[in-house]
Amino acid sequence: MPEQYDEEDVSDVAGAESWILNHGLQMSLGFGDPKGHTPRVRFDYRWHNNSHVEDGVSMQLHFPIN
């Protein structure tokens, strides 16, 4: 956790829920060795409670050129 949040109480569940609703949530799942020389793939899911921010799933492919 960044030092700027050292003074905050992270055990406050209501506060955490409010923060997520205000800032959104992104989860990522990756397959492949990030330090290897083989292709790898990552799936991202983004959710936000505000209607002006798009929710969605994206996929990234990485092909090393080495």
N, C-alpha and C. Protein backbone atom coordinates (compact mmCIF):
# COMPACT_ATOMS: atom_id res chain seq x y z
N MET A 1 0.84 -1.16 0.00
CA MET A 1 0.00 0.00 0.00
C MET A 1 0.90 1.24 0.00
N PRO A 2 0.59 2.25 -0.81
CA PRO A 2 1.40 3.47 -0.83
C PRO A 2 1.41 4.15 0.53
N GLU A 3 2.52 4.81 0.85
CA GLU A 3 2.70 5.46 2.14
C GLU A 3 1.64 6.54 2.41
N GLN A 4 1.10 7.14 1.38
CA GLN A 4 0.12 8.21 1.58
C GLN A 4 -1.15 7.70 2.26
N TYR A 5 -1.36 6.39 2.27
CA TYR A 5 -2.54 5.81 2.90
C TYR A 5 -2.24 5.17 4.26
N ASP A 6 -1.05 5.40 4.81
CA ASP A 6 -0.67 4.81 6.09
C ASP A 6 -1.62 5.18 7.22
N GLU A 7 -2.14 6.39 7.21
CA GLU A 7 -2.99 6.87 8.29
C GLU A 7 -4.46 6.44 8.13
N GLU A 8 -4.84 5.91 7.00
CA GLU A 8 -6.23 5.55 6.76
C GLU A 8 -6.54 4.16 7.31
N ASP A 9 -7.77 3.99 7.77
CA ASP A 9 -8.23 2.71 8.30
C ASP A 9 -8.79 1.87 7.15
N VAL A 10 -8.02 0.90 6.69
CA VAL A 10 -8.46 0.09 5.55
C VAL A 10 -9.42 -1.01 5.96
N SER A 11 -9.68 -1.16 7.24
CA SER A 11 -10.62 -2.19 7.68
C SER A 11 -12.06 -1.69 7.66
N ASP A 12 -12.28 -0.44 7.30
CA ASP A 12 -13.62 0.13 7.23
C ASP A 12 -14.29 -0.33 5.94
N VAL A 13 -15.16 -1.34 6.03
CA VAL A 13 -15.78 -1.94 4.86
C VAL A 13 -16.69 -0.95 4.14
N ALA A 14 -17.46 -0.17 4.88
CA ALA A 14 -18.35 0.82 4.25
C ALA A 14 -17.53 1.85 3.48
N GLY A 15 -16.40 2.24 4.02
CA GLY A 15 -15.53 3.19 3.33
C GLY A 15 -14.93 2.59 2.07
N ALA A 16 -14.56 1.31 2.13
CA ALA A 16 -14.00 0.63 0.96
C ALA A 16 -15.05 0.51 -0.14
N GLU A 17 -16.29 0.18 0.25
CA GLU A 17 -17.36 0.08 -0.73
C GLU A 17 -17.62 1.42 -1.40
N SER A 18 -17.63 2.48 -0.61
CA SER A 18 -17.83 3.82 -1.15
C SER A 18 -16.70 4.20 -2.11
N TRP A 19 -15.45 3.85 -1.74
CA TRP A 19 -14.30 4.18 -2.58
C TRP A 19 -14.40 3.47 -3.93
N ILE A 20 -14.78 2.18 -3.90
CA ILE A 20 -14.91 1.41 -5.14
C ILE A 20 -16.02 1.99 -6.01
N LEU A 21 -17.16 2.35 -5.40
CA LEU A 21 -18.25 2.92 -6.18
C LEU A 21 -17.85 4.26 -6.80
N ASN A 22 -17.01 5.02 -6.14
CA ASN A 22 -16.58 6.32 -6.67
C ASN A 22 -15.46 6.20 -7.70
N HIS A 23 -14.57 5.22 -7.54
CA HIS A 23 -13.38 5.13 -8.39
C HIS A 23 -13.43 4.01 -9.42
N GLY A 24 -14.28 3.03 -9.23
CA GLY A 24 -14.36 1.91 -10.16
C GLY A 24 -13.44 0.77 -9.73
N LEU A 25 -13.43 -0.26 -10.55
CA LEU A 25 -12.69 -1.47 -10.23
C LEU A 25 -12.16 -2.07 -11.52
N GLN A 26 -10.91 -2.52 -11.50
CA GLN A 26 -10.35 -3.22 -12.65
C GLN A 26 -9.65 -4.47 -12.15
N MET A 27 -9.94 -5.58 -12.81
CA MET A 27 -9.31 -6.86 -12.48
C MET A 27 -8.62 -7.38 -13.73
N SER A 28 -7.44 -7.94 -13.56
CA SER A 28 -6.68 -8.47 -14.69
C SER A 28 -6.26 -9.91 -14.40
N LEU A 29 -6.22 -10.70 -15.46
CA LEU A 29 -5.77 -12.08 -15.38
C LEU A 29 -4.85 -12.33 -16.56
N GLY A 30 -3.61 -12.69 -16.28
CA GLY A 30 -2.64 -12.89 -17.35
C GLY A 30 -2.13 -14.31 -17.41
N PHE A 31 -1.77 -14.73 -18.61
CA PHE A 31 -1.22 -16.06 -18.86
C PHE A 31 0.08 -15.90 -19.62
N GLY A 32 1.09 -16.63 -19.21
CA GLY A 32 2.38 -16.58 -19.88
C GLY A 32 3.43 -15.98 -18.96
N ASP A 33 4.67 -16.23 -19.29
CA ASP A 33 5.79 -15.75 -18.49
C ASP A 33 6.16 -14.33 -18.94
N PRO A 34 6.00 -13.32 -18.06
CA PRO A 34 6.31 -11.94 -18.47
C PRO A 34 7.79 -11.71 -18.78
N LYS A 35 8.67 -12.58 -18.31
CA LYS A 35 10.10 -12.42 -18.59
C LYS A 35 10.58 -13.40 -19.64
N GLY A 36 9.68 -14.18 -20.19
CA GLY A 36 10.05 -15.19 -21.17
C GLY A 36 10.05 -14.64 -22.59
N HIS A 37 10.34 -15.50 -23.53
CA HIS A 37 10.40 -15.12 -24.94
C HIS A 37 9.27 -15.76 -25.73
N THR A 38 8.15 -16.01 -25.05
CA THR A 38 6.99 -16.60 -25.71
C THR A 38 5.82 -15.61 -25.62
N PRO A 39 4.86 -15.73 -26.52
CA PRO A 39 3.70 -14.83 -26.47
C PRO A 39 2.92 -15.01 -25.16
N ARG A 40 2.28 -13.95 -24.72
CA ARG A 40 1.44 -14.02 -23.54
C ARG A 40 0.17 -13.21 -23.77
N VAL A 41 -0.84 -13.45 -22.93
CA VAL A 41 -2.14 -12.80 -23.09
C VAL A 41 -2.62 -12.31 -21.72
N ARG A 42 -3.35 -11.20 -21.73
CA ARG A 42 -3.92 -10.67 -20.50
C ARG A 42 -5.36 -10.24 -20.76
N PHE A 43 -6.27 -10.63 -19.86
CA PHE A 43 -7.67 -10.21 -19.93
C PHE A 43 -7.92 -9.20 -18.81
N ASP A 44 -8.57 -8.10 -19.14
CA ASP A 44 -8.91 -7.06 -18.17
C ASP A 44 -10.41 -6.88 -18.13
N TYR A 45 -10.94 -6.72 -16.93
CA TYR A 45 -12.36 -6.39 -16.77
C TYR A 45 -12.42 -5.07 -16.02
N ARG A 46 -13.14 -4.10 -16.58
CA ARG A 46 -13.27 -2.79 -15.94
C ARG A 46 -14.74 -2.52 -15.65
N TRP A 47 -15.03 -2.10 -14.42
CA TRP A 47 -16.39 -1.77 -14.01
C TRP A 47 -16.37 -0.42 -13.31
N HIS A 48 -17.36 0.39 -13.58
CA HIS A 48 -17.50 1.68 -12.90
C HIS A 48 -18.97 1.98 -12.74
N ASN A 49 -19.34 2.52 -11.60
CA ASN A 49 -20.73 2.81 -11.28
C ASN A 49 -21.26 4.02 -12.05
N ASN A 50 -20.40 4.93 -12.49
CA ASN A 50 -20.83 6.12 -13.22
C ASN A 50 -21.22 5.76 -14.65
N SER A 51 -22.26 6.38 -15.15
CA SER A 51 -22.74 6.06 -16.49
C SER A 51 -21.85 6.63 -17.59
N HIS A 52 -21.00 7.62 -17.28
CA HIS A 52 -20.15 8.21 -18.32
C HIS A 52 -18.84 7.45 -18.54
N VAL A 53 -18.61 6.40 -17.77
CA VAL A 53 -17.41 5.57 -17.92
C VAL A 53 -17.85 4.21 -18.45
N GLU A 54 -17.21 3.74 -19.52
CA GLU A 54 -17.58 2.45 -20.11
C GLU A 54 -17.07 1.28 -19.29
N ASP A 55 -17.94 0.30 -19.08
CA ASP A 55 -17.53 -0.98 -18.51
C ASP A 55 -17.06 -1.85 -19.67
N GLY A 56 -16.31 -2.88 -19.36
CA GLY A 56 -15.97 -3.77 -20.46
C GLY A 56 -14.87 -4.74 -20.16
N VAL A 57 -14.66 -5.61 -21.13
CA VAL A 57 -13.61 -6.61 -21.08
C VAL A 57 -12.67 -6.33 -22.25
N SER A 58 -11.39 -6.40 -21.98
CA SER A 58 -10.42 -6.22 -23.06
C SER A 58 -9.39 -7.35 -22.97
N MET A 59 -8.73 -7.60 -24.09
CA MET A 59 -7.71 -8.62 -24.17
C MET A 59 -6.47 -8.01 -24.80
N GLN A 60 -5.33 -8.26 -24.20
CA GLN A 60 -4.06 -7.79 -24.75
C GLN A 60 -3.19 -8.99 -25.10
N LEU A 61 -2.60 -8.94 -26.27
CA LEU A 61 -1.64 -9.96 -26.69
C LEU A 61 -0.26 -9.34 -26.77
N HIS A 62 0.74 -10.04 -26.28
CA HIS A 62 2.10 -9.54 -26.34
C HIS A 62 2.96 -10.58 -27.06
N PHE A 63 3.58 -10.13 -28.14
CA PHE A 63 4.48 -10.99 -28.91
C PHE A 63 5.88 -10.41 -28.84
N PRO A 64 6.80 -11.06 -28.12
CA PRO A 64 8.17 -10.54 -28.04
C PRO A 64 8.85 -10.56 -29.39
N ILE A 65 9.62 -9.52 -29.65
CA ILE A 65 10.30 -9.39 -30.94
C ILE A 65 11.76 -9.83 -30.86
N ASN A 66 12.20 -10.26 -29.71
CA ASN A 66 13.62 -10.65 -29.54
C ASN A 66 13.95 -11.85 -30.38
